[in-house]
Amino acid sequence: MQVTQIASIVNEVNAEMTGTEAVENIDLNNVVEVGSEIIESGAQRLDNYVRSLIDHIGKVVFVNRPYTGSTPSVMMDSWEYGAILEKIQYEGVPEAEENDTWNLQDGVSYDPNVFHKPTVSAKFYSDRRTFDVPMSFAHRQVKSAFSNAPQVQAFFSMIETAISNGQTVKMDGLVNLTIANAIATAYNNRVAHPASYYPLVTMYVNDTGDSTVNSSNALVKPEFIRYASVTMRKVASRLKKFSTVFNIGGKYRHTPKDRLNIILHSDFTAVAEAYLYSDTFHQEYVKLPLADEVAFWQGSGDTFAFSDTSKIIVTPTGTNDAVTVSNIVGIFFDRDALGVTNMDRRVTSDYNAKGEFTNNWYKFDAGYFNDFNENIAVFTLN
């Protein structure tokens, strides 16, 4: 199992999320894994202890989704043993043949013993990303600064809370980057796979001829907000259908309502509520789908301006060039399209008897994945 150190990345994410640095390019090749059709050999598939034991598959997921017709937490489960997540899927749709029941001919043999092999493939996710936060605790030396033991305990509790908060911010940032990788990849493939990318302003101008609307003023135009809301409702409905058009891999997929995760920019939902719901009698006709909200996709900037909070600058996994996507207002995705797996937060300690202090390492491991064989739709004001 290949474990990649990402301390420098999470520190950069931390700075962008807290507004101390501007949003800049982050290379996601070392963060988000997109899976491989085969398990590569080599040292990266050995354990990280004696480095001679071969990693075992820790979990197998079957893409088995009954079709009956026509979130967003991205945290998924963990497992203790094994390193690899294997995702097995049936390729395509079985083809139909003529039904011989209604085509019987005298003297013709109908062979029932023909073997029909299923077409199955697998993807493997095995990488982990890791960082730790070191902190030394010296109880004896700090006692002189406090009046009693509860005060000392409260002091160290404060430090641990700060460490926990920092880890949570970093974890949230890595989740955001997992989503940003999917957005940037959909944007890069917008010509070949247009059903996964919706430039709402361009669509509105083309459909209505109203050239007064642009990405700068779209959020104060009620007619555009109504158009955007209707478009999103249409896409949510279309994702339920068995189709190959909403995923970059061209696989047969459908995303029922209970599997659809929707994340919208909070500025967009705010204006929708203000401009649409407040003066619309039949809200159900224009209301946005139920969604989670984010205040920014990658970073807040120093003023939480929409131009900063709606923008990502990343180098998507599998590419070498930075991609800037602006005016992002939402993403729809199947819950299997992206996520965070096998998260492990723990603390290890070592007491130094000579100096009488304890070193603690607050460790964090997790796997971050995108699967572009699953449905994804991105919406922008471009």
Protein backbone atom coordinates (compact mmCIF):
# COMPACT_ATOMS: atom_id res chain seq x y z
CA MET A 1 0.00 0.00 0.00
CA GLN A 2 1.46 3.31 -1.06
CA VAL A 3 1.07 5.98 1.63
CA THR A 4 1.78 9.54 0.51
CA GLN A 5 2.75 12.34 2.89
CA ILE A 6 0.48 15.36 2.39
CA ALA A 7 1.38 17.59 5.34
CA SER A 8 2.42 20.47 3.06
CA ILE A 9 -0.83 20.21 1.10
CA VAL A 10 -3.09 20.24 4.16
CA ASN A 11 -1.19 23.23 5.55
CA GLU A 12 -1.85 25.09 2.29
CA VAL A 13 -5.50 24.02 2.38
CA ASN A 14 -5.73 25.21 5.97
CA ALA A 15 -4.43 28.67 4.98
CA GLU A 16 -6.82 28.96 2.04
CA MET A 17 -9.85 27.83 4.05
CA THR A 18 -9.16 30.28 6.88
CA GLY A 19 -8.54 33.22 4.56
CA THR A 20 -4.87 33.79 5.34
CA GLU A 21 -3.83 32.95 1.77
CA ALA A 22 -5.48 33.42 -1.61
CA VAL A 23 -6.78 30.44 -3.58
CA GLU A 24 -3.93 29.01 -5.62
CA ASN A 25 -3.24 25.89 -7.66
CA ILE A 26 -3.12 22.64 -5.68
CA ASP A 27 -1.82 19.53 -7.45
CA LEU A 28 -4.29 16.75 -6.66
CA ASN A 29 -2.24 13.91 -8.15
CA ASN A 30 -1.06 13.18 -4.61
CA VAL A 31 -4.50 13.52 -2.99
CA VAL A 32 -7.34 12.02 -5.01
CA GLU A 33 -7.12 8.50 -6.43
CA VAL A 34 -9.08 7.58 -9.56
CA GLY A 35 -8.52 3.82 -9.39
CA SER A 36 -6.86 1.40 -11.79
CA GLU A 37 -8.11 -1.56 -13.80
CA ILE A 38 -5.28 -3.78 -12.48
CA ILE A 39 -3.26 -3.91 -9.29
CA GLU A 40 0.25 -2.82 -10.14
CA SER A 41 3.14 -4.82 -8.76
CA GLY A 42 6.07 -3.37 -6.87
CA ALA A 43 6.97 -2.03 -3.46
CA GLN A 44 3.88 0.18 -3.27
CA ARG A 45 1.72 -2.97 -2.95
CA LEU A 46 3.65 -4.29 0.06
CA ASP A 47 2.82 -3.66 3.71
CA ASN A 48 4.40 -0.68 5.47
CA TYR A 49 5.88 -2.64 8.37
CA VAL A 50 8.20 -5.44 7.24
CA ARG A 51 7.72 -4.42 3.56
CA SER A 52 7.63 -8.01 2.34
CA LEU A 53 3.96 -8.93 2.86
CA ILE A 54 1.57 -8.40 -0.04
CA ASP A 55 -1.42 -6.16 0.64
CA HIS A 56 -4.75 -7.97 0.73
CA ILE A 57 -8.05 -6.73 -0.63
CA GLY A 58 -9.85 -5.34 2.42
CA LYS A 59 -13.25 -4.70 0.89
CA VAL A 60 -15.15 -5.66 -2.25
CA VAL A 61 -17.97 -3.49 -3.61
CA PHE A 62 -20.33 -4.76 -6.29
CA VAL A 63 -22.08 -2.29 -8.59
CA ASN A 64 -25.45 -4.00 -8.28
CA ARG A 65 -28.27 -1.49 -8.54
CA PRO A 66 -31.74 -2.72 -9.52
CA TYR A 67 -33.43 -0.39 -12.00
CA THR A 68 -37.06 0.35 -11.20
CA GLY A 69 -37.67 3.26 -13.53
CA SER A 70 -37.61 6.59 -13.54
CA THR A 71 -25.83 14.54 0.38
CA PRO A 72 -23.84 15.49 1.21
CA SER A 73 -21.53 13.76 3.47
CA VAL A 74 -18.88 11.98 1.45
CA MET A 75 -17.48 10.05 4.41
CA MET A 76 -17.66 6.30 3.91
CA ASP A 77 -16.88 3.25 6.03
CA SER A 78 -13.53 1.97 7.27
CA TRP A 79 -12.01 -1.46 7.60
CA GLU A 80 -9.19 -2.67 9.79
CA TYR A 81 -7.51 -5.38 7.71
CA GLY A 82 -6.55 -5.33 4.07
CA ALA A 83 -5.59 -2.27 2.08
CA ILE A 84 -7.44 -2.35 -1.22
CA LEU A 85 -11.01 -1.36 -2.08
CA GLU A 86 -12.13 -3.45 -5.05
CA LYS A 87 -15.12 -2.22 -7.03
CA ILE A 88 -16.62 -4.80 -9.37
CA GLN A 89 -19.05 -3.89 -12.13
CA TYR A 90 -20.86 -5.47 -15.07
CA GLU A 91 -19.72 -3.89 -18.32
CA GLY A 92 -22.48 -2.56 -20.54
CA VAL A 93 -25.91 -4.17 -20.82
CA PRO A 94 -26.52 -7.79 -21.90
CA GLU A 95 -27.68 -7.89 -25.52
CA ALA A 96 -31.01 -9.38 -26.52
CA GLU A 97 -31.38 -12.34 -28.87
CA GLU A 98 -34.28 -13.74 -30.82
CA ASN A 99 -36.69 -15.80 -28.74
CA ASP A 100 -36.76 -19.26 -30.35
CA THR A 101 -39.98 -20.12 -28.55
CA TRP A 102 -41.90 -18.36 -31.31
CA ASN A 103 -39.65 -19.38 -34.21
CA LEU A 104 -39.66 -23.18 -34.13
CA GLN A 105 -38.87 -24.97 -37.39
CA ASP A 106 -39.15 -28.63 -38.26
CA GLY A 107 -35.88 -30.51 -38.04
CA VAL A 108 -33.91 -27.65 -36.46
CA SER A 109 -31.83 -28.30 -33.32
CA TYR A 110 -32.01 -25.74 -30.52
CA ASP A 111 -28.86 -25.97 -28.45
CA PRO A 112 -29.43 -25.01 -24.76
CA ASN A 113 -25.81 -25.60 -23.74
CA VAL A 114 -24.11 -22.50 -25.15
CA PHE A 115 -21.96 -20.74 -22.52
CA HIS A 116 -22.61 -17.00 -22.19
CA LYS A 117 -19.75 -15.32 -20.35
CA PRO A 118 -20.63 -12.20 -18.30
CA THR A 119 -18.52 -9.13 -19.05
CA VAL A 120 -17.18 -7.96 -15.69
CA SER A 121 -14.40 -5.53 -14.76
CA ALA A 122 -12.93 -4.27 -11.51
CA LYS A 123 -11.35 -1.05 -10.26
CA PHE A 124 -8.95 -0.95 -7.34
CA TYR A 125 -8.41 1.85 -4.82
CA SER A 126 -5.53 1.28 -2.46
CA ASP A 127 -3.68 4.53 -1.74
CA ARG A 128 -3.81 6.47 1.53
CA ARG A 129 -2.90 10.07 2.29
CA THR A 130 -1.44 10.89 5.69
CA PHE A 131 -0.14 13.65 7.94
CA ASP A 132 0.41 14.14 11.65
CA VAL A 133 0.52 17.03 14.11
CA PRO A 134 3.30 16.76 16.75
CA MET A 135 2.86 18.32 20.19
CA SER A 136 4.92 18.05 23.38
CA PHE A 137 3.27 18.13 26.80
CA ALA A 138 5.33 19.03 29.89
CA HIS A 139 3.07 18.83 32.93
CA ARG A 140 5.66 19.30 35.68
CA GLN A 141 7.24 22.39 34.16
CA VAL A 142 3.98 24.28 33.61
CA LYS A 143 2.59 23.81 37.12
CA SER A 144 4.23 27.02 38.34
CA ALA A 145 1.97 29.05 36.05
CA PHE A 146 -1.31 27.78 37.55
CA SER A 147 -3.00 27.57 40.94
CA ASN A 148 -4.25 24.00 40.90
CA ALA A 149 -4.50 20.73 38.98
CA PRO A 150 -7.85 21.53 37.28
CA GLN A 151 -6.30 24.65 35.76
CA VAL A 152 -3.37 22.63 34.40
CA GLN A 153 -5.79 20.08 32.99
CA ALA A 154 -7.88 22.82 31.38
CA PHE A 155 -4.72 24.27 29.82
CA PHE A 156 -3.78 20.98 28.14
CA SER A 157 -7.40 20.39 27.18
CA MET A 158 -7.33 23.72 25.36
CA ILE A 159 -4.25 22.62 23.42
CA GLU A 160 -5.86 19.32 22.43
CA THR A 161 -8.99 21.16 21.29
CA ALA A 162 -6.86 23.41 19.09
CA ILE A 163 -5.15 20.36 17.58
CA SER A 164 -8.51 18.65 16.98
CA ASN A 165 -9.94 21.79 15.39
CA GLY A 166 -6.92 22.07 13.12
CA GLN A 167 -7.27 18.45 12.02
CA THR A 168 -10.96 18.97 11.33
CA VAL A 169 -10.24 22.03 9.17
CA LYS A 170 -7.60 20.09 7.26
CA MET A 171 -9.94 17.13 6.81
CA ASP A 172 -12.71 19.42 5.52
CA GLY A 173 -10.22 20.94 3.11
CA LEU A 174 -9.26 17.51 1.76
CA VAL A 175 -12.94 16.67 1.28
CA ASN A 176 -13.30 19.94 -0.64
CA LEU A 177 -10.33 18.98 -2.81
CA THR A 178 -11.89 15.58 -3.52
CA ILE A 179 -14.97 17.43 -4.80
CA ALA A 180 -12.80 19.98 -6.64
CA ASN A 181 -11.01 17.17 -8.48
CA ALA A 182 -14.36 15.91 -9.76
CA ILE A 183 -15.44 19.43 -10.79
CA ALA A 184 -12.17 20.15 -12.62
CA THR A 185 -12.26 16.80 -14.44
CA ALA A 186 -15.87 17.36 -15.55
CA TYR A 187 -14.84 20.83 -16.75
CA ASN A 188 -11.87 19.42 -18.70
CA ASN A 189 -14.19 16.91 -20.39
CA ARG A 190 -17.06 19.33 -21.04
CA VAL A 191 -16.77 19.10 -24.83
CA ALA A 192 -16.71 15.31 -25.07
CA HIS A 193 -19.22 14.87 -22.23
CA PRO A 194 -21.48 17.94 -22.20
CA ALA A 195 -24.14 16.30 -20.02
CA SER A 196 -21.75 16.49 -17.06
CA TYR A 197 -21.19 20.25 -17.30
CA TYR A 198 -23.81 23.05 -17.40
CA PRO A 199 -22.72 26.67 -18.08
CA LEU A 200 -26.03 28.10 -16.90
CA VAL A 201 -25.57 31.71 -18.07
CA THR A 202 -24.57 30.65 -21.57
CA MET A 203 -27.53 28.27 -21.70
CA TYR A 204 -29.91 30.99 -20.48
CA VAL A 205 -28.72 33.55 -23.03
CA ASN A 206 -28.96 31.00 -25.84
CA ASP A 207 -32.46 29.90 -24.81
CA THR A 208 -33.93 33.34 -24.07
CA GLY A 209 -31.86 35.76 -26.14
CA ASP A 210 -31.47 37.95 -23.06
CA SER A 211 -27.86 39.10 -23.45
CA THR A 212 -28.10 41.46 -20.46
CA VAL A 213 -27.41 38.53 -18.12
CA ASN A 214 -23.78 37.61 -17.48
CA SER A 215 -21.80 35.81 -14.79
CA SER A 216 -21.33 39.05 -12.85
CA ASN A 217 -25.01 39.96 -12.46
CA ALA A 218 -26.75 36.59 -12.83
CA LEU A 219 -27.33 36.19 -9.09
CA VAL A 220 -29.49 39.32 -8.97
CA LYS A 221 -31.66 38.34 -11.94
CA PRO A 222 -34.82 36.52 -10.74
CA GLU A 223 -35.61 35.18 -14.22
CA PHE A 224 -32.18 33.61 -14.47
CA ILE A 225 -32.39 32.13 -10.96
CA ARG A 226 -35.72 30.59 -11.90
CA TYR A 227 -34.20 29.17 -15.11
CA ALA A 228 -31.20 27.76 -13.20
CA SER A 229 -33.46 26.13 -10.62
CA VAL A 230 -35.60 24.49 -13.29
CA THR A 231 -32.49 23.26 -15.12
CA MET A 232 -31.16 21.64 -11.95
CA ARG A 233 -34.50 19.96 -11.31
CA LYS A 234 -34.45 18.58 -14.86
CA VAL A 235 -30.94 17.18 -14.43
CA ALA A 236 -31.84 15.55 -11.10
CA SER A 237 -34.74 13.83 -12.82
CA ARG A 238 -32.67 12.74 -15.82
CA LEU A 239 -29.98 11.21 -13.59
CA LYS A 240 -32.57 8.64 -12.47
CA LYS A 241 -32.69 7.20 -15.97
CA PHE A 242 -30.48 4.32 -17.08
CA SER A 243 -27.94 6.07 -19.32
CA THR A 244 -24.30 6.45 -20.33
CA VAL A 245 -24.30 10.22 -20.89
CA PHE A 246 -23.73 11.55 -17.36
CA ASN A 247 -20.40 9.84 -16.65
CA ILE A 248 -17.06 10.32 -18.34
CA GLY A 249 -16.40 6.57 -18.50
CA GLY A 250 -19.50 6.03 -20.65
CA LYS A 251 -20.83 3.31 -18.33
CA TYR A 252 -24.48 2.37 -17.96
CA ARG A 253 -25.54 4.04 -14.72
CA HIS A 254 -28.57 5.50 -13.04
CA THR A 255 -28.72 7.54 -9.85
CA PRO A 256 -31.99 7.17 -7.91
CA LYS A 257 -33.06 9.94 -5.58
CA ASP A 258 -31.72 8.14 -2.51
CA ARG A 259 -28.25 7.87 -4.08
CA LEU A 260 -28.03 11.45 -5.35
CA ASN A 261 -25.75 13.82 -3.45
CA ILE A 262 -26.21 17.53 -4.17
CA ILE A 263 -23.93 20.32 -3.00
CA LEU A 264 -24.79 23.95 -3.78
CA HIS A 265 -22.93 27.17 -3.11
CA SER A 266 -24.62 28.95 -0.20
CA ASP A 267 -24.73 32.27 -2.11
CA PHE A 268 -26.77 30.61 -4.84
CA THR A 269 -29.28 29.03 -2.45
CA ALA A 270 -29.59 32.34 -0.58
CA VAL A 271 -30.57 34.30 -3.66
CA ALA A 272 -32.92 31.52 -4.77
CA GLU A 273 -34.76 31.74 -1.46
CA ALA A 274 -34.86 35.54 -1.58
CA TYR A 275 -35.83 36.04 -5.23
CA LEU A 276 -37.98 32.98 -5.88
CA TYR A 277 -39.60 31.55 -2.79
CA SER A 278 -40.58 34.88 -1.17
CA ASP A 279 -42.87 35.96 -4.01
CA THR A 280 -43.87 32.64 -5.57
CA PHE A 281 -47.18 31.08 -4.52
CA HIS A 282 -46.40 27.62 -5.90
CA GLN A 283 -42.85 27.19 -4.58
CA GLU A 284 -42.74 23.53 -5.55
CA TYR A 285 -42.51 24.54 -9.22
CA VAL A 286 -39.26 26.47 -8.83
CA LYS A 287 -37.74 25.14 -5.61
CA LEU A 288 -34.20 23.78 -5.77
CA PRO A 289 -33.61 20.09 -4.98
CA LEU A 290 -32.75 19.36 -1.35
CA ALA A 291 -29.02 19.92 -1.00
CA ASP A 292 -26.11 20.54 1.31
CA GLU A 293 -24.43 23.91 1.13
CA VAL A 294 -20.81 25.07 1.07
CA ALA A 295 -19.57 28.60 1.70
CA PHE A 296 -16.64 28.01 -0.67
CA TRP A 297 -15.25 25.24 -2.86
CA GLN A 298 -11.53 25.68 -2.15
CA GLY A 299 -10.89 28.85 -0.15
CA SER A 300 -12.63 31.93 1.22
CA GLY A 301 -10.25 34.65 0.07
CA ASP A 302 -9.86 37.57 2.48
CA THR A 303 -13.42 38.89 2.06
CA PHE A 304 -15.56 35.85 1.15
CA ALA A 305 -16.19 37.50 -2.23
CA PHE A 306 -18.13 35.26 -4.63
CA SER A 307 -15.29 35.50 -7.14
CA ASP A 308 -13.05 33.75 -4.58
CA THR A 309 -15.50 31.34 -2.96
CA SER A 310 -16.90 30.07 -6.27
CA LYS A 311 -13.47 29.34 -7.79
CA ILE A 312 -11.10 26.39 -7.76
CA ILE A 313 -7.54 26.24 -9.07
CA VAL A 314 -6.28 22.65 -9.05
CA THR A 315 -4.28 20.20 -11.11
CA PRO A 316 -6.68 17.24 -11.45
CA THR A 317 -5.42 13.72 -10.91
CA GLY A 318 -4.01 12.28 -14.11
CA THR A 319 -3.03 15.67 -15.58
CA ASN A 320 -0.04 18.00 -15.40
CA ASP A 321 -1.66 21.37 -15.98
CA ALA A 322 -3.56 23.58 -13.55
CA VAL A 323 -7.27 24.11 -14.21
CA THR A 324 -9.20 27.18 -13.09
CA VAL A 325 -12.97 26.83 -12.86
CA SER A 326 -14.86 29.97 -11.82
CA ASN A 327 -18.45 30.73 -10.81
CA ILE A 328 -19.24 27.21 -9.59
CA VAL A 329 -22.70 27.04 -8.04
CA GLY A 330 -23.33 23.33 -7.65
CA ILE A 331 -22.44 19.69 -8.24
CA PHE A 332 -24.71 16.64 -8.43
CA PHE A 333 -23.08 13.24 -8.03
CA ASP A 334 -23.82 9.62 -7.31
CA ARG A 335 -22.73 8.71 -3.81
CA ASP A 336 -20.28 6.21 -5.35
CA ALA A 337 -18.70 8.89 -7.56
CA LEU A 338 -16.49 10.40 -4.88
CA GLY A 339 -15.79 9.97 -1.22
CA VAL A 340 -13.43 9.59 1.70
CA THR A 341 -12.76 6.05 2.90
CA ASN A 342 -10.99 4.27 5.70
CA MET A 343 -10.40 7.39 7.80
CA ASP A 344 -8.25 6.73 10.86
CA ARG A 345 -7.56 9.41 13.49
CA ARG A 346 -5.33 8.32 16.37
CA VAL A 347 -2.72 9.56 18.84
CA THR A 348 0.61 7.93 19.61
CA SER A 349 2.80 9.02 22.54
CA ASP A 350 6.34 8.69 23.82
CA TYR A 351 7.49 9.74 27.30
CA ASN A 352 10.97 11.26 27.54
CA ALA A 353 12.20 10.34 31.03
CA LYS A 354 15.31 12.51 30.85
CA GLY A 355 13.45 15.72 29.98
CA GLU A 356 10.20 14.68 31.71
CA PHE A 357 7.88 15.53 28.86
CA THR A 358 5.60 13.56 26.56
CA ASN A 359 5.65 13.78 22.78
CA ASN A 360 2.29 13.18 21.14
CA TRP A 361 1.67 12.67 17.44
CA TYR A 362 -1.89 13.27 16.29
CA LYS A 363 -2.06 11.16 13.15
CA PHE A 364 -4.56 11.21 10.33
CA ASP A 365 -4.90 8.69 7.46
CA ALA A 366 -7.63 8.42 4.81
CA GLY A 367 -8.22 7.55 1.17
CA TYR A 368 -9.82 10.09 -1.18
CA PHE A 369 -11.32 8.84 -4.44
CA ASN A 370 -13.18 9.85 -7.59
CA ASP A 371 -14.84 7.32 -9.87
CA PHE A 372 -15.66 8.81 -13.27
CA ASN A 373 -17.66 5.73 -14.23
CA GLU A 374 -20.38 7.17 -11.97
CA ASN A 375 -22.73 10.08 -12.69
CA ILE A 376 -21.54 13.66 -12.08
CA ALA A 377 -23.06 16.99 -13.16
CA VAL A 378 -21.43 20.39 -12.51
CA PHE A 379 -23.21 23.76 -12.72
CA THR A 380 -21.51 27.15 -13.17
CA LEU A 381 -22.51 30.72 -13.98
CA ASN A 382 -20.26 30.71 -17.06
